[in-house]
């Protein structure tokens, strides 16, 4: 993954988030194996899985947004007089903002 702006703060935080998500996913899977069916009787466990799922979506959206941004920027630099459609990049940025807002709410 080549980023046109280099390594930025958000990318470093996404890497930390990916490691934390991996750790908490493994921790939750261990809890499921230890508690069995009783694990699914608590509301907070469902909330934890929602947070893990949203975090994975946030990391995936950031990586996809960076890849599409690099590709679109390269197309723009190669042909500055041609129309370059940044709609998909804007839509991914909007989705990323919504996922991060949902994570902050939870």
N, C-alpha and C. Protein backbone atom coordinates (compact mmCIF):
# COMPACT_ATOMS: atom_id res chain seq x y z
N UNK A 1 0.85 -1.18 0.00
CA UNK A 1 0.00 0.00 0.00
C UNK A 1 0.89 1.23 0.00
N UNK A 2 0.83 1.98 -1.08
CA UNK A 2 1.62 3.19 -1.19
C UNK A 2 0.70 4.38 -0.99
N UNK A 3 1.02 5.18 -0.02
CA UNK A 3 0.24 6.39 0.22
C UNK A 3 0.98 7.58 -0.35
N UNK A 4 0.26 8.43 -1.08
CA UNK A 4 0.92 9.56 -1.72
C UNK A 4 1.45 10.57 -0.72
N UNK A 5 0.86 10.63 0.47
CA UNK A 5 1.33 11.60 1.45
C UNK A 5 2.31 11.01 2.44
N UNK A 6 2.68 9.76 2.28
CA UNK A 6 3.58 9.11 3.22
C UNK A 6 2.80 8.54 4.39
N UNK A 7 3.50 8.22 5.45
CA UNK A 7 2.86 7.67 6.63
C UNK A 7 2.27 8.81 7.43
N UNK A 8 0.98 8.77 7.63
CA UNK A 8 0.33 9.83 8.39
C UNK A 8 -0.16 9.29 9.73
N UNK A 9 -0.59 10.19 10.57
CA UNK A 9 -1.02 9.85 11.92
C UNK A 9 -2.20 8.89 11.89
N UNK A 10 -3.14 9.12 10.98
CA UNK A 10 -4.31 8.27 10.91
C UNK A 10 -3.95 6.84 10.53
N UNK A 11 -2.98 6.67 9.66
CA UNK A 11 -2.55 5.32 9.28
C UNK A 11 -1.92 4.59 10.47
N UNK A 12 -1.11 5.28 11.23
CA UNK A 12 -0.49 4.68 12.42
C UNK A 12 -1.57 4.28 13.43
N UNK A 13 -2.58 5.13 13.61
CA UNK A 13 -3.66 4.81 14.53
C UNK A 13 -4.50 3.64 14.02
N UNK A 14 -4.65 3.53 12.71
CA UNK A 14 -5.39 2.39 12.15
C UNK A 14 -4.63 1.08 12.39
N UNK A 15 -3.32 1.13 12.33
CA UNK A 15 -2.52 -0.07 12.61
C UNK A 15 -2.67 -0.47 14.07
N UNK A 16 -2.62 0.52 14.98
CA UNK A 16 -2.86 0.22 16.40
C UNK A 16 -4.26 -0.34 16.60
N UNK A 17 -5.25 0.25 15.94
CA UNK A 17 -6.62 -0.22 16.07
C UNK A 17 -6.75 -1.65 15.56
N UNK A 18 -6.08 -1.98 14.47
CA UNK A 18 -6.14 -3.34 13.93
C UNK A 18 -5.58 -4.34 14.94
N UNK A 19 -4.48 -3.98 15.62
CA UNK A 19 -3.92 -4.89 16.63
C UNK A 19 -4.86 -5.03 17.82
N UNK A 20 -5.47 -3.93 18.25
CA UNK A 20 -6.41 -4.01 19.37
C UNK A 20 -7.64 -4.84 18.99
N UNK A 21 -8.13 -4.68 17.79
CA UNK A 21 -9.29 -5.46 17.35
C UNK A 21 -8.94 -6.94 17.31
N UNK A 22 -7.77 -7.26 16.81
CA UNK A 22 -7.34 -8.66 16.80
C UNK A 22 -7.27 -9.23 18.21
N UNK A 23 -6.70 -8.47 19.14
CA UNK A 23 -6.59 -8.91 20.52
C UNK A 23 -7.98 -9.13 21.14
N UNK A 24 -8.88 -8.15 20.97
CA UNK A 24 -10.21 -8.27 21.58
C UNK A 24 -11.05 -9.35 20.90
N UNK A 25 -10.84 -9.58 19.62
CA UNK A 25 -11.55 -10.67 18.95
C UNK A 25 -11.13 -12.02 19.53
N UNK A 26 -9.84 -12.19 19.72
CA UNK A 26 -9.34 -13.44 20.31
C UNK A 26 -9.84 -13.58 21.74
N UNK A 27 -9.84 -12.48 22.50
CA UNK A 27 -10.32 -12.53 23.89
C UNK A 27 -11.80 -12.92 23.95
N UNK A 28 -12.61 -12.36 23.04
CA UNK A 28 -14.03 -12.70 23.01
C UNK A 28 -14.25 -14.15 22.59
N UNK A 29 -13.46 -14.63 21.65
CA UNK A 29 -13.59 -16.03 21.23
C UNK A 29 -13.22 -16.99 22.36
N UNK A 30 -12.22 -16.61 23.15
CA UNK A 30 -11.86 -17.42 24.32
C UNK A 30 -13.00 -17.43 25.32
N UNK A 31 -13.63 -16.27 25.53
CA UNK A 31 -14.78 -16.20 26.44
C UNK A 31 -15.94 -17.06 25.94
N UNK A 32 -16.17 -17.05 24.65
CA UNK A 32 -17.25 -17.88 24.09
C UNK A 32 -16.95 -19.35 24.34
N UNK A 33 -15.71 -19.77 24.17
CA UNK A 33 -15.37 -21.17 24.37
C UNK A 33 -15.45 -21.58 25.84
N UNK A 34 -15.14 -20.65 26.75
CA UNK A 34 -15.20 -20.97 28.18
C UNK A 34 -16.62 -20.95 28.72
N UNK A 35 -17.42 -19.96 28.33
CA UNK A 35 -18.75 -19.81 28.91
C UNK A 35 -19.82 -20.59 28.17
N UNK A 36 -19.59 -20.90 26.92
CA UNK A 36 -20.58 -21.66 26.16
C UNK A 36 -21.83 -20.84 25.88
N UNK A 37 -22.99 -21.46 26.07
CA UNK A 37 -24.26 -20.79 25.77
C UNK A 37 -24.55 -19.63 26.71
N UNK A 38 -23.99 -19.65 27.90
CA UNK A 38 -24.23 -18.57 28.86
C UNK A 38 -23.65 -17.25 28.37
N UNK A 39 -22.68 -17.33 27.48
CA UNK A 39 -22.07 -16.11 26.93
C UNK A 39 -23.10 -15.27 26.19
N UNK A 40 -24.02 -15.93 25.51
CA UNK A 40 -24.98 -15.22 24.67
C UNK A 40 -26.18 -14.71 25.43
N UNK A 41 -26.20 -14.85 26.74
CA UNK A 41 -27.31 -14.35 27.55
C UNK A 41 -27.07 -12.93 28.05
N UNK A 42 -25.88 -12.40 27.86
CA UNK A 42 -25.56 -11.06 28.36
C UNK A 42 -25.56 -10.06 27.21
N UNK A 43 -26.24 -8.94 27.45
CA UNK A 43 -26.34 -7.88 26.44
C UNK A 43 -24.99 -7.28 26.10
N UNK A 44 -24.11 -7.15 27.07
CA UNK A 44 -22.82 -6.48 26.87
C UNK A 44 -21.91 -7.24 25.91
N UNK A 45 -22.09 -8.54 25.84
CA UNK A 45 -21.30 -9.32 24.90
C UNK A 45 -21.70 -9.00 23.46
N UNK A 46 -22.99 -8.80 23.23
CA UNK A 46 -23.44 -8.39 21.89
C UNK A 46 -22.91 -7.01 21.53
N UNK A 47 -22.90 -6.12 22.50
CA UNK A 47 -22.37 -4.78 22.28
C UNK A 47 -20.87 -4.83 21.96
N UNK A 48 -20.15 -5.70 22.64
CA UNK A 48 -18.72 -5.86 22.36
C UNK A 48 -18.49 -6.34 20.93
N UNK A 49 -19.31 -7.27 20.44
CA UNK A 49 -19.17 -7.75 19.06
C UNK A 49 -19.54 -6.66 18.06
N UNK A 50 -20.49 -5.80 18.41
CA UNK A 50 -20.81 -4.67 17.53
C UNK A 50 -19.62 -3.73 17.41
N UNK A 51 -18.96 -3.47 18.52
CA UNK A 51 -17.78 -2.59 18.52
C UNK A 51 -16.66 -3.21 17.70
N UNK A 52 -16.44 -4.51 17.86
CA UNK A 52 -15.39 -5.19 17.10
C UNK A 52 -15.70 -5.14 15.61
N UNK A 53 -16.95 -5.40 15.25
CA UNK A 53 -17.34 -5.39 13.83
C UNK A 53 -17.20 -4.00 13.22
N UNK A 54 -17.63 -2.97 13.93
CA UNK A 54 -17.48 -1.60 13.43
C UNK A 54 -16.01 -1.22 13.31
N UNK A 55 -15.18 -1.68 14.22
CA UNK A 55 -13.75 -1.38 14.15
C UNK A 55 -13.11 -2.03 12.93
N UNK A 56 -13.49 -3.27 12.66
CA UNK A 56 -12.96 -3.95 11.47
C UNK A 56 -13.42 -3.21 10.21
N UNK A 57 -14.67 -2.79 10.18
CA UNK A 57 -15.17 -2.02 9.03
C UNK A 57 -14.42 -0.70 8.88
N UNK A 58 -14.12 -0.04 9.99
CA UNK A 58 -13.37 1.22 9.92
C UNK A 58 -11.98 1.04 9.35
N UNK A 59 -11.30 0.01 9.79
CA UNK A 59 -9.95 -0.26 9.26
C UNK A 59 -10.02 -0.60 7.78
N UNK A 60 -10.97 -1.44 7.41
CA UNK A 60 -11.11 -1.83 6.00
C UNK A 60 -11.46 -0.62 5.12
N UNK A 61 -12.34 0.23 5.61
CA UNK A 61 -12.70 1.43 4.85
C UNK A 61 -11.50 2.36 4.69
N UNK A 62 -10.70 2.49 5.73
CA UNK A 62 -9.53 3.37 5.63
C UNK A 62 -8.53 2.84 4.60
N UNK A 63 -8.29 1.54 4.61
CA UNK A 63 -7.35 0.96 3.66
C UNK A 63 -7.89 1.10 2.24
N UNK A 64 -9.18 0.81 2.05
CA UNK A 64 -9.78 0.93 0.72
C UNK A 64 -9.75 2.38 0.24
N UNK A 65 -10.04 3.31 1.14
CA UNK A 65 -10.04 4.73 0.80
C UNK A 65 -8.64 5.19 0.40
N UNK A 66 -7.62 4.71 1.09
CA UNK A 66 -6.25 5.08 0.76
C UNK A 66 -5.84 4.53 -0.60
N UNK A 67 -6.23 3.30 -0.88
CA UNK A 67 -5.87 2.69 -2.17
C UNK A 67 -6.57 3.40 -3.33
N UNK A 68 -7.85 3.68 -3.17
CA UNK A 68 -8.58 4.37 -4.24
C UNK A 68 -8.07 5.80 -4.39
N UNK A 69 -7.77 6.44 -3.28
CA UNK A 69 -7.23 7.80 -3.34
C UNK A 69 -5.91 7.86 -4.09
N UNK A 70 -5.04 6.90 -3.84
CA UNK A 70 -3.76 6.86 -4.57
C UNK A 70 -3.97 6.63 -6.05
N UNK A 71 -4.89 5.71 -6.39
CA UNK A 71 -5.15 5.43 -7.79
C UNK A 71 -5.76 6.64 -8.50
N UNK A 72 -6.73 7.29 -7.86
CA UNK A 72 -7.37 8.45 -8.47
C UNK A 72 -6.39 9.62 -8.60
N UNK A 73 -5.57 9.80 -7.60
CA UNK A 73 -4.58 10.89 -7.65
C UNK A 73 -3.56 10.66 -8.77
N UNK A 74 -3.14 9.41 -8.94
CA UNK A 74 -2.20 9.09 -10.01
C UNK A 74 -2.84 9.34 -11.38
N UNK A 75 -4.12 9.03 -11.50
CA UNK A 75 -4.82 9.30 -12.76
C UNK A 75 -4.91 10.80 -13.01
N UNK A 76 -5.16 11.56 -11.97
CA UNK A 76 -5.26 13.02 -12.11
C UNK A 76 -3.91 13.63 -12.49
N UNK A 77 -2.85 13.17 -11.84
CA UNK A 77 -1.51 13.71 -12.12
C UNK A 77 -1.08 13.34 -13.55
N UNK A 78 -1.43 12.15 -13.99
CA UNK A 78 -1.05 11.72 -15.34
C UNK A 78 -1.81 12.51 -16.42
N UNK A 79 -3.07 12.81 -16.16
CA UNK A 79 -3.91 13.53 -17.13
C UNK A 79 -4.64 14.67 -16.44
N UNK A 80 -3.97 15.79 -16.15
CA UNK A 80 -4.63 16.88 -15.41
C UNK A 80 -5.75 17.56 -16.19
N UNK A 81 -5.79 17.41 -17.50
CA UNK A 81 -6.83 18.05 -18.29
C UNK A 81 -8.09 17.19 -18.43
N UNK A 82 -8.00 15.92 -18.07
CA UNK A 82 -9.15 15.02 -18.16
C UNK A 82 -9.92 15.01 -16.84
N UNK A 83 -11.18 14.66 -16.95
CA UNK A 83 -12.02 14.58 -15.76
C UNK A 83 -11.63 13.36 -14.93
N UNK A 84 -11.42 13.57 -13.65
CA UNK A 84 -11.13 12.49 -12.72
C UNK A 84 -12.27 12.43 -11.71
N UNK A 85 -12.93 11.30 -11.64
CA UNK A 85 -14.09 11.14 -10.78
C UNK A 85 -13.65 10.75 -9.37
N UNK A 86 -13.89 11.64 -8.42
CA UNK A 86 -13.56 11.37 -7.02
C UNK A 86 -14.80 11.02 -6.21
N UNK A 87 -15.89 10.67 -6.88
CA UNK A 87 -17.14 10.38 -6.17
C UNK A 87 -16.99 9.17 -5.25
N UNK A 88 -16.38 8.10 -5.75
CA UNK A 88 -16.23 6.90 -4.94
C UNK A 88 -15.37 7.18 -3.70
N UNK A 89 -14.35 7.98 -3.85
CA UNK A 89 -13.50 8.35 -2.73
C UNK A 89 -14.28 9.17 -1.71
N UNK A 90 -15.10 10.09 -2.19
CA UNK A 90 -15.92 10.91 -1.29
C UNK A 90 -16.94 10.05 -0.55
N UNK A 91 -17.53 9.09 -1.25
CA UNK A 91 -18.50 8.20 -0.61
C UNK A 91 -17.84 7.33 0.46
N UNK A 92 -16.65 6.81 0.18
CA UNK A 92 -15.94 6.02 1.18
C UNK A 92 -15.56 6.87 2.39
N UNK A 93 -15.20 8.12 2.15
CA UNK A 93 -14.89 9.02 3.26
C UNK A 93 -16.13 9.27 4.12
N UNK A 94 -17.29 9.41 3.47
CA UNK A 94 -18.54 9.58 4.20
C UNK A 94 -18.85 8.33 5.04
N UNK A 95 -18.70 7.15 4.45
CA UNK A 95 -18.94 5.91 5.19
C UNK A 95 -17.98 5.77 6.36
N UNK A 96 -16.72 6.12 6.14
CA UNK A 96 -15.72 6.05 7.21
C UNK A 96 -16.12 6.98 8.36
N UNK A 97 -16.58 8.17 8.03
CA UNK A 97 -17.00 9.12 9.06
C UNK A 97 -18.19 8.57 9.84
N UNK A 98 -19.14 7.93 9.16
CA UNK A 98 -20.29 7.35 9.84
C UNK A 98 -19.90 6.21 10.77
N UNK A 99 -18.97 5.36 10.32
CA UNK A 99 -18.53 4.23 11.15
C UNK A 99 -17.79 4.74 12.39
N UNK A 100 -16.92 5.74 12.21
CA UNK A 100 -16.20 6.29 13.34
C UNK A 100 -17.15 6.98 14.31
N UNK A 101 -18.17 7.67 13.79
CA UNK A 101 -19.16 8.29 14.67
C UNK A 101 -19.94 7.25 15.47
N UNK A 102 -20.28 6.14 14.83
CA UNK A 102 -20.98 5.07 15.54
C UNK A 102 -20.08 4.46 16.62
N UNK A 103 -18.81 4.32 16.32
CA UNK A 103 -17.87 3.80 17.33
C UNK A 103 -17.75 4.75 18.52
N UNK A 104 -17.73 6.03 18.24
CA UNK A 104 -17.65 7.00 19.34
C UNK A 104 -18.91 6.99 20.18
N UNK A 105 -20.05 6.74 19.55
CA UNK A 105 -21.31 6.67 20.27
C UNK A 105 -21.36 5.47 21.19
N UNK A 106 -20.81 4.33 20.72
CA UNK A 106 -20.85 3.11 21.53
C UNK A 106 -19.79 3.20 22.60
